[in-house]
Amino acid sequence: MKTMKRPLAVALLGITSAIFSASSAAALSEQQVAVMDSINTTVKQDTLSYSLIESLTTEVGPRMVGTPGSDLATDWAVNKLKSLGFDKVWIEESQAQLWQRGDLTLQINAPFPHKVVGLALGGSVGTNGKPLTADVVHFDDLAALQAAPAGSLKGKIAYVGYKMERHIDGHGYGKAVGARVAGASAAASKGAVAFLMRSVGTDSNRIGHTGVMRYDDAQPKIPAIAISNPDADLLENMFSRNQPISFTINTNASGPTGKTVTIANVIGDVTGSSKPNEVVTLGAHIDSWDVGTGAIDDGIGMGIIMAAGHYIATLPERPARTLRVILFAAEEVGLVGAEDYVKRHAGDMAQNVIGAEWDFGNGAIYKMEPGVGPTALNAIRDLAEYLAPMGVALATTNTAKGQSDMSLLGKAGQPAVNFAPDGLDYFDFHHTENDTLDKVDQDALKVNTTIYTLFAYFATSSDTDFRK
């Protein structure tokens, strides 16, 4: 694997306090600006983050909790972090619920027979080893299903056809994902024997989108399936003909088993030179679903933050603060690794001075939102001014708590910066067989790796108390 230790070190050895960039933010020190300018130039030309994603997807592949790939990913990450120059690397183990997908066949029987493509939702029960056949009832969205009269779906399959909207910031996901999470229990409460939904995705490919769902223990547990967008269109075309639609589901998904498996957060530190107990965190999640190879979700995040740590580790002079990279386990099934991290580190969370995560997007970063104290906003504005020529705007709000796993650290008091990348195509690949290496935007990846490295250096070399 290509590394940048020698080129970056050589590029920075000649820096002196007399060097100053005309494009810099005036409140940054001349030394900070000089280092950041060299990072900016060097990292944009490198392919380390992509090489890490390529290695991950080729040598490990899918990394769903409870599969061999999950353990393989832990070993891979430990070895990579050590090779990248992190001086402290360790794992923190905990437990997560085991779920196994099994096999799935879907069929429209009448009025017009068709094979259907889909995926069981994460956590779904199966059909007890035999086909389940029933008529389908169509609902426009989760709210319509929830409003159905009690008992009105007895012996039926409920189908929610809400179509996710495409947006650069991915906010269409929030409107669509509720049906995935709560639809099965809502359907069961009305008497349904199974739940179907249009996949939570923006693509037109004949592939299903999986993702975690939750059962309400007060309701019967019924199979929950997401069908591809083209098959959802096909099903809705049949509904328009006002004829009964008979549908068969056959799946041996395990459902909640009560069994647990060992998971592990993988953590690496680049120890600070003079304030090692003050920690800047970068996060991504190490697990993926079992479909695809997890390149976009969240191989990109892993590649970016691991590369950023390497670049900080190979500076001729270490920044004052420690940079910590956290590869969180079991994010896809409910932020389980992040919960464990917060619990384990409750006593030293005050030492986490600021953090950022990558768990969304494929295109270039266009905006950053802080979540810091009012005085610290001045320092964030300095960083934003430096990043502005790279197309990064500063949000007018100051409410960031951290994305995904890092949101739990934010709730525990850690200040945050959320970087917003172009996510227009993200939900074409999210949780699908199509989440593969060829989908990674390599040009955007270089820019985003540069921005995260610049943030890491800015925060670890700063004297700012981001809580104040």
Protein backbone atom coordinates (compact mmCIF):
# COMPACT_ATOMS: atom_id res chain seq x y z
CA MET A 1 0.00 0.00 0.00
CA LYS A 2 1.19 3.47 -0.83
CA THR A 3 1.94 5.67 2.17
CA MET A 4 2.76 9.33 2.43
CA LYS A 5 5.18 9.36 5.32
CA ARG A 6 8.23 10.43 3.34
CA PRO A 7 6.60 12.91 0.90
CA LEU A 8 4.58 14.70 3.58
CA ALA A 9 7.51 14.91 5.95
CA VAL A 10 9.76 16.24 3.20
CA ALA A 11 7.14 18.78 2.20
CA LEU A 12 6.96 20.13 5.74
CA LEU A 13 10.57 20.04 6.90
CA GLY A 14 11.30 23.47 5.46
CA ILE A 15 8.43 25.25 7.18
CA THR A 16 9.36 28.17 9.38
CA SER A 17 7.33 30.77 11.19
CA ALA A 18 8.17 33.23 8.42
CA ILE A 19 6.02 31.33 5.91
CA PHE A 20 2.52 32.72 5.45
CA SER A 21 -0.17 32.01 2.86
CA ALA A 22 -2.11 34.85 1.31
CA SER A 23 -5.18 32.59 1.18
CA SER A 24 -5.10 31.85 4.91
CA ALA A 25 -7.42 32.97 7.65
CA ALA A 26 -5.66 35.78 9.48
CA ALA A 27 -6.34 34.48 13.02
CA LEU A 28 -4.57 31.18 12.39
CA SER A 29 -0.92 31.28 13.33
CA GLU A 30 1.64 31.44 10.55
CA GLN A 31 2.93 28.02 11.57
CA GLN A 32 -0.56 26.50 11.45
CA VAL A 33 -1.21 28.00 8.04
CA ALA A 34 2.07 26.73 6.67
CA VAL A 35 1.39 23.18 7.83
CA MET A 36 -2.19 23.34 6.55
CA ASP A 37 -1.03 24.62 3.16
CA SER A 38 1.34 21.68 2.83
CA ILE A 39 -1.36 19.24 3.91
CA ASN A 40 -3.71 20.81 1.39
CA THR A 41 -1.25 20.40 -1.45
CA THR A 42 0.03 16.95 -0.56
CA VAL A 43 -3.10 15.07 0.50
CA LYS A 44 -5.10 16.20 -2.54
CA GLN A 45 -2.56 14.42 -4.73
CA ASP A 46 -2.51 11.18 -2.77
CA THR A 47 -4.62 8.03 -2.96
CA LEU A 48 -4.11 6.55 0.50
CA SER A 49 -7.77 6.73 1.53
CA TYR A 50 -8.84 5.00 -1.68
CA SER A 51 -6.15 2.35 -1.22
CA LEU A 52 -7.52 1.64 2.25
CA ILE A 53 -11.06 1.24 0.91
CA GLU A 54 -9.79 -1.02 -1.86
CA SER A 55 -7.96 -3.17 0.68
CA LEU A 56 -10.98 -3.32 2.99
CA THR A 57 -13.45 -4.29 0.28
CA THR A 58 -11.11 -6.78 -1.39
CA GLU A 59 -9.54 -8.47 1.63
CA VAL A 60 -12.52 -8.30 4.00
CA GLY A 61 -15.71 -7.44 2.08
CA PRO A 62 -19.08 -7.34 3.88
CA ARG A 63 -18.82 -6.95 7.65
CA MET A 64 -22.24 -7.64 9.17
CA VAL A 65 -22.38 -8.27 12.89
CA GLY A 66 -22.15 -11.98 13.65
CA THR A 67 -20.48 -12.98 10.38
CA PRO A 68 -16.85 -14.02 9.80
CA GLY A 69 -16.31 -10.71 8.00
CA SER A 70 -16.93 -8.82 11.23
CA ASP A 71 -14.03 -10.52 13.01
CA LEU A 72 -11.83 -10.28 9.94
CA ALA A 73 -12.50 -6.54 9.79
CA THR A 74 -11.35 -6.11 13.39
CA ASP A 75 -8.02 -7.80 12.68
CA TRP A 76 -7.64 -5.86 9.41
CA ALA A 77 -8.24 -2.52 11.13
CA VAL A 78 -5.83 -3.20 14.00
CA ASN A 79 -3.05 -4.14 11.58
CA LYS A 80 -3.69 -1.18 9.29
CA LEU A 81 -3.75 1.37 12.08
CA LYS A 82 -0.42 0.08 13.39
CA SER A 83 1.10 0.23 9.91
CA LEU A 84 -0.17 3.78 9.39
CA GLY A 85 1.77 5.18 12.34
CA PHE A 86 -0.77 5.22 15.18
CA ASP A 87 1.29 4.75 18.33
CA LYS A 88 -1.56 3.28 20.40
CA VAL A 89 -4.00 0.80 18.89
CA TRP A 90 -6.52 -1.29 20.83
CA ILE A 91 -9.97 -2.85 20.75
CA GLU A 92 -12.90 -2.54 23.15
CA GLU A 93 -15.27 -5.51 23.04
CA SER A 94 -18.96 -5.68 23.84
CA GLN A 95 -22.01 -7.68 22.76
CA ALA A 96 -24.67 -7.20 20.05
CA GLN A 97 -27.75 -9.19 19.09
CA LEU A 98 -27.28 -11.88 16.45
CA TRP A 99 -29.48 -11.89 13.34
CA GLN A 100 -29.10 -14.09 10.26
CA ARG A 101 -30.63 -13.19 6.90
CA GLY A 102 -31.08 -16.63 5.43
CA ASP A 103 -32.74 -17.11 2.04
CA LEU A 104 -35.66 -15.23 0.51
CA THR A 105 -38.01 -15.80 -2.43
CA LEU A 106 -40.83 -13.43 -3.41
CA GLN A 107 -43.57 -14.04 -5.97
CA ILE A 108 -46.66 -12.26 -7.25
CA ASN A 109 -49.10 -15.08 -7.98
CA ALA A 110 -52.10 -13.18 -9.35
CA PRO A 111 -53.48 -11.39 -11.22
CA PHE A 112 -50.22 -11.49 -13.23
CA PRO A 113 -47.44 -13.84 -12.04
CA HIS A 114 -44.03 -12.21 -11.53
CA LYS A 115 -40.87 -12.95 -9.61
CA VAL A 116 -40.04 -10.07 -7.24
CA VAL A 117 -36.63 -8.92 -5.97
CA GLY A 118 -36.18 -7.72 -2.40
CA LEU A 119 -34.33 -8.11 0.89
CA ALA A 120 -35.43 -9.00 4.38
CA LEU A 121 -35.08 -6.08 6.76
CA GLY A 122 -32.48 -6.48 9.48
CA GLY A 123 -34.01 -8.24 12.49
CA SER A 124 -36.99 -9.66 10.58
CA VAL A 125 -38.48 -13.02 11.46
CA GLY A 126 -38.98 -15.65 8.78
CA THR A 127 -42.00 -17.60 7.58
CA ASN A 128 -41.33 -20.68 9.72
CA GLY A 129 -39.78 -22.62 6.89
CA LYS A 130 -42.80 -22.58 4.59
CA PRO A 131 -44.31 -20.19 2.02
CA LEU A 132 -46.70 -17.53 3.30
CA THR A 133 -49.36 -16.54 0.75
CA ALA A 134 -51.91 -13.76 1.21
CA ASP A 135 -53.51 -10.82 -0.57
CA VAL A 136 -51.76 -7.45 -0.43
CA VAL A 137 -53.27 -4.17 0.79
CA HIS A 138 -51.67 -0.91 -0.42
CA PHE A 139 -50.91 2.11 1.79
CA ASP A 140 -49.31 5.33 0.58
CA ASP A 141 -47.18 5.81 3.68
CA LEU A 142 -46.66 4.74 7.28
CA ALA A 143 -49.23 7.22 8.59
CA ALA A 144 -51.93 5.71 6.37
CA LEU A 145 -51.06 2.23 7.64
CA GLN A 146 -51.17 3.40 11.24
CA ALA A 147 -54.61 4.95 10.60
CA ALA A 148 -56.10 1.69 9.27
CA PRO A 149 -58.96 0.32 11.41
CA ALA A 150 -58.13 -2.34 13.96
CA GLY A 151 -58.47 -5.83 12.49
CA SER A 152 -58.81 -4.52 8.93
CA LEU A 153 -55.70 -6.38 7.74
CA LYS A 154 -56.48 -9.77 9.28
CA GLY A 155 -54.79 -12.43 7.15
CA LYS A 156 -53.42 -9.82 4.71
CA ILE A 157 -49.99 -8.52 3.72
CA ALA A 158 -49.57 -4.77 4.25
CA TYR A 159 -47.59 -2.84 1.64
CA VAL A 160 -46.29 0.75 2.06
CA GLY A 161 -45.34 2.39 -1.24
CA TYR A 162 -43.81 5.69 -0.08
CA LYS A 163 -41.10 6.74 -2.56
CA MET A 164 -38.00 8.37 -1.12
CA GLU A 165 -37.05 11.79 -2.48
CA ARG A 166 -33.53 12.58 -3.68
CA HIS A 167 -31.79 15.53 -1.95
CA ILE A 168 -28.17 16.67 -1.72
CA ASP A 169 -28.26 16.46 2.09
CA GLY A 170 -30.20 13.18 2.15
CA HIS A 171 -33.11 14.57 4.16
CA GLY A 172 -35.55 12.45 2.15
CA TYR A 173 -34.27 9.49 4.14
CA GLY A 174 -35.90 10.69 7.34
CA LYS A 175 -39.33 10.80 5.70
CA ALA A 176 -38.96 7.29 4.26
CA VAL A 177 -37.17 5.33 6.97
CA GLY A 178 -39.98 5.38 9.52
CA ALA A 179 -41.85 2.70 7.57
CA ARG A 180 -38.75 0.51 7.58
CA VAL A 181 -38.28 0.80 11.32
CA ALA A 182 -41.88 0.65 12.55
CA GLY A 183 -43.97 -0.63 9.64
CA ALA A 184 -44.01 -4.32 10.56
CA SER A 185 -45.42 -3.78 14.03
CA ALA A 186 -47.89 -1.20 12.75
CA ALA A 187 -49.12 -3.77 10.22
CA ALA A 188 -49.25 -6.53 12.82
CA SER A 189 -51.35 -4.33 15.10
CA LYS A 190 -54.02 -4.28 12.37
CA GLY A 191 -53.91 -8.06 11.91
CA ALA A 192 -51.45 -8.35 8.99
CA VAL A 193 -49.41 -11.55 8.57
CA ALA A 194 -46.49 -9.86 6.75
CA PHE A 195 -45.17 -6.43 5.81
CA LEU A 196 -43.83 -5.27 2.44
CA MET A 197 -42.46 -1.85 1.58
CA ARG A 198 -40.84 0.01 -1.26
CA SER A 199 -37.10 0.10 -0.59
CA VAL A 200 -35.70 3.18 1.13
CA GLY A 201 -33.56 4.24 -1.80
CA THR A 202 -33.41 6.63 -4.74
CA ASP A 203 -32.23 4.22 -7.43
CA SER A 204 -34.15 2.57 -10.25
CA ASN A 205 -32.18 -0.69 -10.10
CA ARG A 206 -33.84 -4.02 -9.45
CA ILE A 207 -32.18 -4.46 -6.07
CA GLY A 208 -33.55 -4.30 -2.55
CA HIS A 209 -32.36 -1.99 0.22
CA THR A 210 -32.02 -3.60 3.62
CA GLY A 211 -31.69 -1.82 6.97
CA VAL A 212 -32.59 -2.35 10.59
CA MET A 213 -36.20 -2.59 11.77
CA ARG A 214 -37.68 -2.82 15.27
CA TYR A 215 -40.48 -4.93 16.68
CA ASP A 216 -42.94 -3.67 19.26
CA ASP A 217 -43.03 -6.46 21.83
CA ALA A 218 -46.72 -5.79 22.33
CA GLN A 219 -47.47 -6.95 18.77
CA PRO A 220 -46.96 -10.24 16.89
CA LYS A 221 -43.67 -10.46 15.01
CA ILE A 222 -44.29 -10.74 11.26
CA PRO A 223 -41.86 -10.93 8.29
CA ALA A 224 -40.67 -7.54 7.02
CA ILE A 225 -39.39 -7.21 3.44
CA ALA A 226 -38.20 -4.30 1.27
CA ILE A 227 -38.77 -4.79 -2.46
CA SER A 228 -36.85 -3.06 -5.24
CA ASN A 229 -38.14 0.21 -6.70
CA PRO A 230 -38.95 -1.35 -10.11
CA ASP A 231 -40.87 -4.16 -8.42
CA ALA A 232 -42.71 -1.61 -6.27
CA ASP A 233 -43.71 0.16 -9.49
CA LEU A 234 -44.85 -3.16 -10.93
CA LEU A 235 -46.92 -3.94 -7.84
CA GLU A 236 -48.55 -0.51 -7.90
CA ASN A 237 -49.39 -0.89 -11.60
CA MET A 238 -51.32 -4.00 -10.62
CA PHE A 239 -53.12 -2.14 -7.83
CA SER A 240 -54.33 0.35 -10.45
CA ARG A 241 -56.25 -2.50 -12.13
CA ASN A 242 -58.41 -3.01 -9.05
CA GLN A 243 -57.93 -6.76 -8.84
CA PRO A 244 -56.85 -8.78 -5.80
CA ILE A 245 -53.09 -9.29 -5.67
CA SER A 246 -51.89 -12.61 -4.26
CA PHE A 247 -48.30 -12.59 -3.00
CA THR A 248 -46.02 -15.32 -1.61
CA ILE A 249 -43.09 -14.79 0.78
CA ASN A 250 -40.70 -17.55 1.76
CA THR A 251 -37.83 -16.61 4.08
CA ASN A 252 -35.86 -18.31 6.82
CA ALA A 253 -34.56 -15.08 8.38
CA SER A 254 -33.79 -15.78 12.01
CA GLY A 255 -35.56 -12.85 13.67
CA PRO A 256 -34.66 -11.93 17.26
CA THR A 257 -32.86 -15.00 18.61
CA GLY A 258 -31.85 -13.76 22.02
CA LYS A 259 -28.30 -14.77 21.14
CA THR A 260 -25.46 -12.28 21.24
CA VAL A 261 -22.10 -12.08 19.50
CA THR A 262 -18.90 -10.27 20.39
CA ILE A 263 -18.25 -6.98 18.61
CA ALA A 264 -15.26 -4.67 18.90
CA ASN A 265 -14.62 -0.97 18.48
CA VAL A 266 -11.14 -0.51 17.00
CA ILE A 267 -9.36 2.60 18.27
CA GLY A 268 -6.09 4.24 17.34
CA ASP A 269 -4.34 7.23 18.89
CA VAL A 270 -1.75 9.61 17.50
CA THR A 271 -0.57 10.86 20.86
CA GLY A 272 -0.23 14.61 21.29
CA SER A 273 3.15 16.15 22.02
CA SER A 274 2.28 18.39 24.96
CA LYS A 275 -1.43 17.87 25.78
CA PRO A 276 -1.90 14.12 25.28
CA ASN A 277 -4.95 13.97 27.53
CA GLU A 278 -6.88 16.39 25.31
CA VAL A 279 -8.41 14.25 22.58
CA VAL A 280 -9.80 15.13 19.14
CA THR A 281 -11.92 12.29 17.76
CA LEU A 282 -12.66 11.18 14.21
CA GLY A 283 -15.29 8.47 13.76
CA ALA A 284 -16.66 6.03 11.20
CA HIS A 285 -18.27 2.61 11.56
CA ILE A 286 -16.49 -0.61 10.78
CA ASP A 287 -19.54 -2.84 10.27
CA SER A 288 -21.69 -3.05 7.14
CA TRP A 289 -24.64 -5.05 5.94
CA ASP A 290 -24.02 -8.43 4.36
CA VAL A 291 -24.96 -7.27 0.86
CA GLY A 292 -22.40 -5.38 -1.22
CA THR A 293 -18.90 -4.87 0.15
CA GLY A 294 -19.57 -1.81 2.29
CA ALA A 295 -17.44 0.55 0.19
CA ILE A 296 -19.74 3.56 0.45
CA ASP A 297 -21.28 2.68 3.83
CA ASP A 298 -18.91 3.11 5.56
CA GLY A 299 -15.69 2.18 3.80
CA ILE A 300 -15.35 5.79 2.67
CA GLY A 301 -15.51 6.97 6.28
CA MET A 302 -12.94 4.42 7.39
CA GLY A 303 -10.56 5.33 4.56
CA ILE A 304 -10.85 9.06 5.20
CA ILE A 305 -10.26 9.06 8.94
CA MET A 306 -7.56 6.38 8.93
CA ALA A 307 -5.69 8.31 6.24
CA ALA A 308 -6.12 11.58 8.15
CA GLY A 309 -4.60 9.95 11.22
CA HIS A 310 -1.66 8.74 9.15
CA TYR A 311 -0.96 12.21 7.81
CA ILE A 312 -1.03 13.68 11.32
CA ALA A 313 1.20 10.86 12.62
CA THR A 314 3.84 11.57 9.96
CA LEU A 315 4.15 15.32 10.51
CA PRO A 316 7.70 16.34 11.44
CA GLU A 317 6.30 17.84 14.64
CA ARG A 318 3.34 16.31 16.45
CA PRO A 319 0.45 18.64 17.33
CA ALA A 320 -0.18 19.30 21.02
CA ARG A 321 -3.37 17.29 21.33
CA THR A 322 -4.03 13.60 20.70
CA LEU A 323 -5.92 12.56 17.57
CA ARG A 324 -8.11 9.51 18.14
CA VAL A 325 -9.67 7.50 15.33
CA ILE A 326 -12.64 5.36 16.41
CA LEU A 327 -13.98 2.63 14.14
CA PHE A 328 -17.32 1.94 15.79
CA ALA A 329 -18.79 -1.57 15.76
CA ALA A 330 -22.45 -2.48 15.14
CA GLU A 331 -23.66 0.91 13.96
CA GLU A 332 -26.05 -0.65 11.47
CA VAL A 333 -27.98 -2.50 14.16
CA GLY A 334 -28.35 0.46 16.50
CA LEU A 335 -25.15 2.35 17.46
CA VAL A 336 -24.20 -0.49 19.80
CA GLY A 337 -20.45 0.14 19.69
CA ALA A 338 -20.93 3.86 20.24
CA GLU A 339 -23.11 3.18 23.27
CA ASP A 340 -20.37 0.99 24.70
CA TYR A 341 -17.72 3.65 24.01
CA VAL A 342 -19.68 6.35 25.84
CA LYS A 343 -20.33 4.02 28.77
CA ARG A 344 -16.67 2.97 29.03
CA HIS A 345 -15.34 6.50 28.70
CA ALA A 346 -17.90 8.32 30.83
CA GLY A 347 -15.18 9.28 33.30
CA ASP A 348 -12.93 10.89 30.70
CA MET A 349 -15.44 12.23 28.19
CA ALA A 350 -14.58 15.76 29.31
CA GLN A 351 -11.16 15.22 27.72
CA ASN A 352 -12.75 14.83 24.26
CA VAL A 353 -12.38 18.38 23.02
CA ILE A 354 -14.16 18.05 19.63
CA GLY A 355 -15.08 15.36 17.11
CA ALA A 356 -16.29 14.70 13.57
CA GLU A 357 -17.62 11.63 11.77
CA TRP A 358 -18.13 10.42 8.21
CA ASP A 359 -21.18 8.22 7.63
CA PHE A 360 -22.99 9.80 4.70
CA GLY A 361 -22.30 10.89 1.15
CA ASN A 362 -20.06 10.18 -1.80
CA GLY A 363 -19.50 13.62 -3.31
CA ALA A 364 -17.42 16.60 -2.20
CA ILE A 365 -18.05 18.41 1.08
CA TYR A 366 -19.93 21.68 0.51
CA LYS A 367 -20.79 22.81 4.05
CA MET A 368 -19.72 22.49 7.67
CA GLU A 369 -21.86 23.02 10.76
CA PRO A 370 -20.31 23.49 14.21
CA GLY A 371 -21.67 22.59 17.59
CA VAL A 372 -19.35 24.49 19.92
CA GLY A 373 -19.43 27.15 22.61
CA PRO A 374 -20.03 30.78 21.61
CA THR A 375 -16.44 31.89 22.12
CA ALA A 376 -15.08 28.92 20.19
CA LEU A 377 -17.10 30.00 17.16
CA ASN A 378 -14.35 32.49 16.37
CA ALA A 379 -11.85 29.67 15.88
CA ILE A 380 -14.36 27.72 13.76
CA ARG A 381 -14.80 30.77 11.57
CA ASP A 382 -11.03 30.84 11.05
CA LEU A 383 -11.12 27.23 9.87
CA ALA A 384 -14.13 27.97 7.67
CA GLU A 385 -12.33 30.89 6.05
CA TYR A 386 -9.40 28.62 5.23
CA LEU A 387 -11.70 25.96 3.76
CA ALA A 388 -13.86 28.39 1.78
CA PRO A 389 -11.69 28.23 -1.40
CA MET A 390 -12.32 24.46 -1.35
CA GLY A 391 -16.05 25.07 -1.72
CA VAL A 392 -16.94 24.59 1.95
CA ALA A 393 -19.48 27.05 3.37
CA LEU A 394 -20.05 27.67 7.07
CA ALA A 395 -23.60 26.93 8.23
CA THR A 396 -25.50 29.72 9.98
CA THR A 397 -26.46 27.33 12.79
CA ASN A 398 -24.35 26.06 15.69
CA THR A 399 -26.26 22.94 16.69
CA ALA A 400 -24.14 20.01 15.47
CA LYS A 401 -23.98 17.06 17.87
CA GLY A 402 -22.05 14.69 15.63
CA GLN A 403 -23.30 12.30 12.98
CA SER A 404 -24.43 8.71 13.54
CA ASP A 405 -22.25 7.09 16.26
CA MET A 406 -20.63 10.39 17.16
CA SER A 407 -24.06 11.79 18.05
CA LEU A 408 -23.93 9.75 21.26
CA LEU A 409 -20.60 11.36 22.14
CA GLY A 410 -22.22 14.70 21.40
CA LYS A 411 -25.06 13.95 23.76
CA ALA A 412 -22.42 13.11 26.38
CA GLY A 413 -20.94 16.61 25.97
CA GLN A 414 -18.38 16.40 23.18
CA PRO A 415 -18.39 19.45 20.85
CA ALA A 416 -18.67 18.59 17.18
CA VAL A 417 -18.32 19.67 13.59
CA ASN A 418 -20.57 18.06 10.99
CA PHE A 419 -19.22 18.10 7.45
CA ALA A 420 -21.92 17.88 4.76
CA PRO A 421 -20.91 16.11 1.54
CA ASP A 422 -22.92 15.87 -1.66
CA GLY A 423 -25.23 12.92 -1.05
CA LEU A 424 -27.29 12.98 -4.24
CA ASP A 425 -26.31 9.43 -5.24
CA TYR A 426 -25.71 8.01 -1.75
CA PHE A 427 -29.10 6.32 -1.44
CA ASP A 428 -28.72 4.69 -4.84
CA PHE A 429 -26.19 2.34 -3.20
CA HIS A 430 -26.99 2.48 0.53
CA HIS A 431 -27.64 -0.99 2.07
CA THR A 432 -27.65 -2.75 -1.31
CA GLU A 433 -25.70 -5.25 -3.39
CA ASN A 434 -24.47 -2.20 -5.33
CA ASP A 435 -22.45 -0.78 -2.41
CA THR A 436 -19.15 -1.66 -4.07
CA LEU A 437 -15.76 -0.07 -4.71
CA ASP A 438 -16.52 1.14 -8.24
CA LYS A 439 -19.15 3.53 -6.86
CA VAL A 440 -16.61 5.56 -4.85
CA ASP A 441 -16.05 9.05 -6.29
CA GLN A 442 -12.25 9.10 -6.19
CA ASP A 443 -11.85 12.81 -6.99
CA ALA A 444 -14.25 13.82 -4.21
CA LEU A 445 -12.54 11.35 -1.88
CA LYS A 446 -9.20 13.17 -2.24
CA VAL A 447 -10.83 16.51 -1.43
CA ASN A 448 -12.76 15.11 1.53
CA THR A 449 -9.69 13.36 2.94
CA THR A 450 -7.84 16.67 2.70
CA ILE A 451 -10.62 18.50 4.55
CA TYR A 452 -10.75 15.94 7.36
CA THR A 453 -6.96 16.03 7.69
CA LEU A 454 -7.03 19.82 7.83
CA PHE A 455 -9.73 19.69 10.51
CA ALA A 456 -7.73 17.12 12.47
CA TYR A 457 -4.61 19.27 12.37
CA PHE A 458 -6.53 22.47 13.15
CA ALA A 459 -8.21 20.92 16.22
CA THR A 460 -5.14 19.10 17.56
CA SER A 461 -2.89 22.15 17.19
CA SER A 462 -5.43 24.64 18.58
CA ASP A 463 -5.51 26.13 22.07
CA THR A 464 -9.26 26.66 21.79
CA ASP A 465 -11.61 25.24 24.41
CA PHE A 466 -14.43 24.24 22.05
CA ARG A 467 -16.92 23.97 24.94
CA LYS A 468 -16.69 27.68 25.80
